[in-house]
C-alpha atoms as a PDB file:
ATOM      1  CA  MET A   1      -0.011  -0.008   0.013  1.00  0.00           C
ATOM      2  CA  ASN A   2       1.454   3.355  -0.935  1.00  0.00           C
ATOM      3  CA  ARG A   3       1.592   6.486   1.194  1.00  0.00           C
ATOM      4  CA  LEU A   4      -0.869   8.412  -0.965  1.00  0.00           C
ATOM      5  CA  ALA A   5      -3.567   5.791  -0.476  1.00  0.00           C
ATOM      6  CA  THR A   6      -3.008   5.865   3.293  1.00  0.00           C
ATOM      7  CA  VAL A   7      -3.246   9.646   3.399  1.00  0.00           C
ATOM      8  CA  GLY A   8      -6.389   9.519   1.239  1.00  0.00           C
ATOM      9  CA  ARG A   9      -8.060   7.035   3.601  1.00  0.00           C
ATOM     10  CA  ARG A  10      -7.223   9.172   6.640  1.00  0.00           C
ATOM     11  CA  ALA A  11      -8.649  12.249   4.924  1.00  0.00           C
ATOM     12  CA  ALA A  12     -11.809  10.382   3.955  1.00  0.00           C
ATOM     13  CA  LYS A  13     -12.261   9.148   7.552  1.00  0.00           C
ATOM     14  CA  SER A  14     -11.765  12.648   8.959  1.00  0.00           C
ATOM     15  CA  LEU A  15     -14.359  14.076   6.572  1.00  0.00           C
ATOM     16  CA  GLY A  16     -16.868  11.400   7.531  1.00  0.00           C
ATOM     17  CA  ALA A  17     -16.786   9.771   4.109  1.00  0.00           C
ATOM     18  CA  PRO A  18     -17.669   6.068   4.114  1.00  0.00           C
ATOM     19  CA  ASP A  19     -14.934   3.515   3.969  1.00  0.00           C
ATOM     20  CA  PRO A  20     -14.730   1.905   0.462  1.00  0.00           C
ATOM     21  CA  ALA A  21     -14.748  -1.559   2.013  1.00  0.00           C
ATOM     22  CA  GLU A  22     -17.913  -0.701   3.967  1.00  0.00           C
ATOM     23  CA  VAL A  23     -19.562   0.586   0.810  1.00  0.00           C
ATOM     24  CA  ALA A  24     -18.633  -2.606  -1.066  1.00  0.00           C
ATOM     25  CA  VAL A  25     -19.956  -4.875   1.742  1.00  0.00           C
ATOM     26  CA  ILE A  26     -23.268  -2.945   1.976  1.00  0.00           C
ATOM     27  CA  GLY A  27     -23.628  -2.898  -1.810  1.00  0.00           C
ATOM     28  CA  HIS A  28     -23.121  -6.640  -2.064  1.00  0.00           C
ATOM     29  CA  ALA A  29     -25.551  -7.222   0.807  1.00  0.00           C
ATOM     30  CA  LEU A  30     -28.269  -5.162  -0.924  1.00  0.00           C
ATOM     31  CA  ARG A  31     -27.623  -6.955  -4.199  1.00  0.00           C
ATOM     32  CA  SER A  32     -28.006 -10.282  -2.428  1.00  0.00           C
ATOM     33  CA  VAL A  33     -31.324  -9.054  -0.953  1.00  0.00           C
ATOM     34  CA  ALA A  34     -32.581  -8.317  -4.460  1.00  0.00           C
ATOM     35  CA  THR A  35     -31.324 -11.706  -5.719  1.00  0.00           C
ATOM     36  CA  GLU A  36     -33.037 -13.511  -2.817  1.00  0.00           C
ATOM     37  CA  MET A  37     -36.288 -11.683  -3.562  1.00  0.00           C
ATOM     38  CA  GLY A  38     -36.167 -13.068  -7.090  1.00  0.00           C
ATOM     39  CA  ALA A  39     -35.352 -16.558  -5.840  1.00  0.00           C
ATOM     40  CA  ALA A  40     -38.279 -16.480  -3.382  1.00  0.00           C
ATOM     41  CA  LEU A  41     -40.587 -15.331  -6.162  1.00  0.00           C
ATOM     42  CA  ARG A  42     -39.408 -18.121  -8.457  1.00  0.00           C
ATOM     43  CA  ARG A  43     -39.808 -20.815  -5.737  1.00  0.00           C
ATOM     44  CA  THR A  44     -43.336 -19.741  -4.801  1.00  0.00           C
ATOM     45  CA  ALA A  45     -44.711 -18.869  -8.243  1.00  0.00           C
ATOM     46  CA  PHE A  46     -47.549 -20.738  -9.884  1.00  0.00           C
ATOM     47  CA  SER A  47     -47.209 -19.041 -13.275  1.00  0.00           C
ATOM     48  CA  PRO A  48     -44.971 -20.717 -15.844  1.00  0.00           C
ATOM     49  CA  ASN A  49     -43.921 -17.252 -17.002  1.00  0.00           C
ATOM     50  CA  ILE A  50     -42.162 -16.773 -13.690  1.00  0.00           C
ATOM     51  CA  LYS A  51     -41.293 -20.335 -12.672  1.00  0.00           C
ATOM     52  CA  GLU A  52     -39.980 -21.646 -16.009  1.00  0.00           C
ATOM     53  CA  ARG A  53     -39.276 -18.657 -18.211  1.00  0.00           C
ATOM     54  CA  ARG A  54     -37.988 -16.483 -15.372  1.00  0.00           C
ATOM     55  CA  ASP A  55     -39.772 -13.470 -16.801  1.00  0.00           C
ATOM     56  CA  TYR A  56     -39.495 -11.138 -13.807  1.00  0.00           C
ATOM     57  CA  SER A  57     -37.137  -8.635 -12.212  1.00  0.00           C
ATOM     58  CA  SER A  58     -36.366  -7.761  -8.600  1.00  0.00           C
ATOM     59  CA  ALA A  59     -34.683  -4.668  -7.237  1.00  0.00           C
ATOM     60  CA  VAL A  60     -34.230  -2.597  -4.112  1.00  0.00           C
ATOM     61  CA  PHE A  61     -35.159   1.080  -4.281  1.00  0.00           C
ATOM     62  CA  SER A  62     -34.643   3.945  -1.844  1.00  0.00           C
ATOM     63  CA  GLY A  63     -37.491   5.797  -0.156  1.00  0.00           C
ATOM     64  CA  ASP A  64     -37.179   8.405  -2.898  1.00  0.00           C
ATOM     65  CA  GLY A  65     -37.622   5.809  -5.629  1.00  0.00           C
ATOM     66  CA  GLU A  66     -34.002   5.595  -6.745  1.00  0.00           C
ATOM     67  CA  LEU A  67     -32.547   2.228  -7.763  1.00  0.00           C
ATOM     68  CA  ILE A  68     -30.112   0.918  -5.180  1.00  0.00           C
ATOM     69  CA  ALA A  69     -29.534  -2.694  -6.222  1.00  0.00           C
ATOM     70  CA  MET A  70     -30.975  -5.123  -8.762  1.00  0.00           C
ATOM     71  CA  GLY A  71     -31.094  -8.895  -8.814  1.00  0.00           C
ATOM     72  CA  ASP A  72     -29.784 -11.309 -11.449  1.00  0.00           C
ATOM     73  CA  ASP A  73     -33.153 -11.439 -13.165  1.00  0.00           C
ATOM     74  CA  MET A  74     -34.343 -10.110 -16.508  1.00  0.00           C
ATOM     75  CA  PRO A  75     -32.919  -6.552 -16.709  1.00  0.00           C
ATOM     76  CA  VAL A  76     -35.379  -5.528 -19.471  1.00  0.00           C
ATOM     77  CA  HIS A  77     -37.977  -4.777 -16.774  1.00  0.00           C
ATOM     78  CA  LEU A  78     -35.662  -2.417 -14.916  1.00  0.00           C
ATOM     79  CA  GLY A  79     -36.271   0.294 -17.535  1.00  0.00           C
ATOM     80  CA  SER A  80     -39.877   0.704 -16.418  1.00  0.00           C
ATOM     81  CA  MET A  81     -39.372  -0.099 -12.727  1.00  0.00           C
ATOM     82  CA  PRO A  82     -38.318   3.444 -11.611  1.00  0.00           C
ATOM     83  CA  MET A  83     -41.508   4.865 -13.110  1.00  0.00           C
ATOM     84  CA  SER A  84     -43.605   2.167 -11.449  1.00  0.00           C
ATOM     85  CA  VAL A  85     -41.934   2.805  -8.099  1.00  0.00           C
ATOM     86  CA  SER A  86     -42.460   6.552  -8.344  1.00  0.00           C
ATOM     87  CA  ALA A  87     -46.130   6.023  -9.257  1.00  0.00           C
ATOM     88  CA  ALA A  88     -46.544   3.703  -6.240  1.00  0.00           C
ATOM     89  CA  LEU A  89     -44.890   6.303  -3.993  1.00  0.00           C
ATOM     90  CA  ARG A  90     -47.221   9.017  -5.324  1.00  0.00           C
ATOM     91  CA  TRP A  91     -50.177   6.710  -4.679  1.00  0.00           C
ATOM     92  CA  ALA A  92     -49.015   5.981  -1.170  1.00  0.00           C
ATOM     93  CA  ALA A  93     -48.506   9.681  -0.451  1.00  0.00           C
ATOM     94  CA  CYS A  94     -52.185  10.342  -1.065  1.00  0.00           C
ATOM     95  CA  THR A  95     -53.686   7.352   0.753  1.00  0.00           C
ATOM     96  CA  ARG A  96     -56.280   7.988   3.438  1.00  0.00           C
ATOM     97  CA  ASP A  97     -57.171   6.079   6.542  1.00  0.00           C
ATOM     98  CA  ARG A  98     -60.645   4.660   7.172  1.00  0.00           C
ATOM     99  CA  TRP A  99     -61.855   8.020   8.546  1.00  0.00           C
ATOM    100  CA  GLY A 100     -60.756   9.922   5.418  1.00  0.00           C
ATOM    101  CA  ARG A 101     -57.710  11.526   6.995  1.00  0.00           C
ATOM    102  CA  ARG A 102     -54.440  11.565   5.092  1.00  0.00           C
ATOM    103  CA  GLU A 103     -52.006   9.011   6.389  1.00  0.00           C
ATOM    104  CA  LYS A 104     -48.289   9.648   6.692  1.00  0.00           C
ATOM    105  CA  SER A 105     -47.189   7.276   4.034  1.00  0.00           C
ATOM    106  CA  PRO A 106     -45.025   5.464   3.139  1.00  0.00           C
ATOM    107  CA  ARG A 107     -44.127   4.804   6.745  1.00  0.00           C
ATOM    108  CA  ARG A 108     -40.724   3.623   7.831  1.00  0.00           C
ATOM    109  CA  GLY A 109     -40.321  -0.021   6.830  1.00  0.00           C
ATOM    110  CA  PHE A 110     -43.194   0.169   4.354  1.00  0.00           C
ATOM    111  CA  GLY A 111     -42.735  -1.868   1.211  1.00  0.00           C
ATOM    112  CA  PHE A 112     -44.430  -2.481  -2.142  1.00  0.00           C
ATOM    113  CA  LEU A 113     -44.684  -5.680  -4.142  1.00  0.00           C
ATOM    114  CA  ARG A 114     -45.470  -5.531  -7.816  1.00  0.00           C
END
């Protein structure tokens, strides 16, 4: 390891920047979450389109609707997924409870399946 890399790491730590190893570990963990979502869908599916043809996609998005990680599925669906996620977030933002009051939505830990 050279001195410049060591100085760069110390500077990044002092500025509060994330450690590259941490970023890589978290990135791989999120990718494995997306991959496991696809595997669970495939195992539990009744449709031959999903079970045999593997015609699905799985991904993890942020609360703002930005793509964080995608699974090893069919990437052709990922072109329309951000628009679907933003539409679901808009829908959730205007949901109402049973008394007609606006709910704070999506709540922390809230998820969508499509």
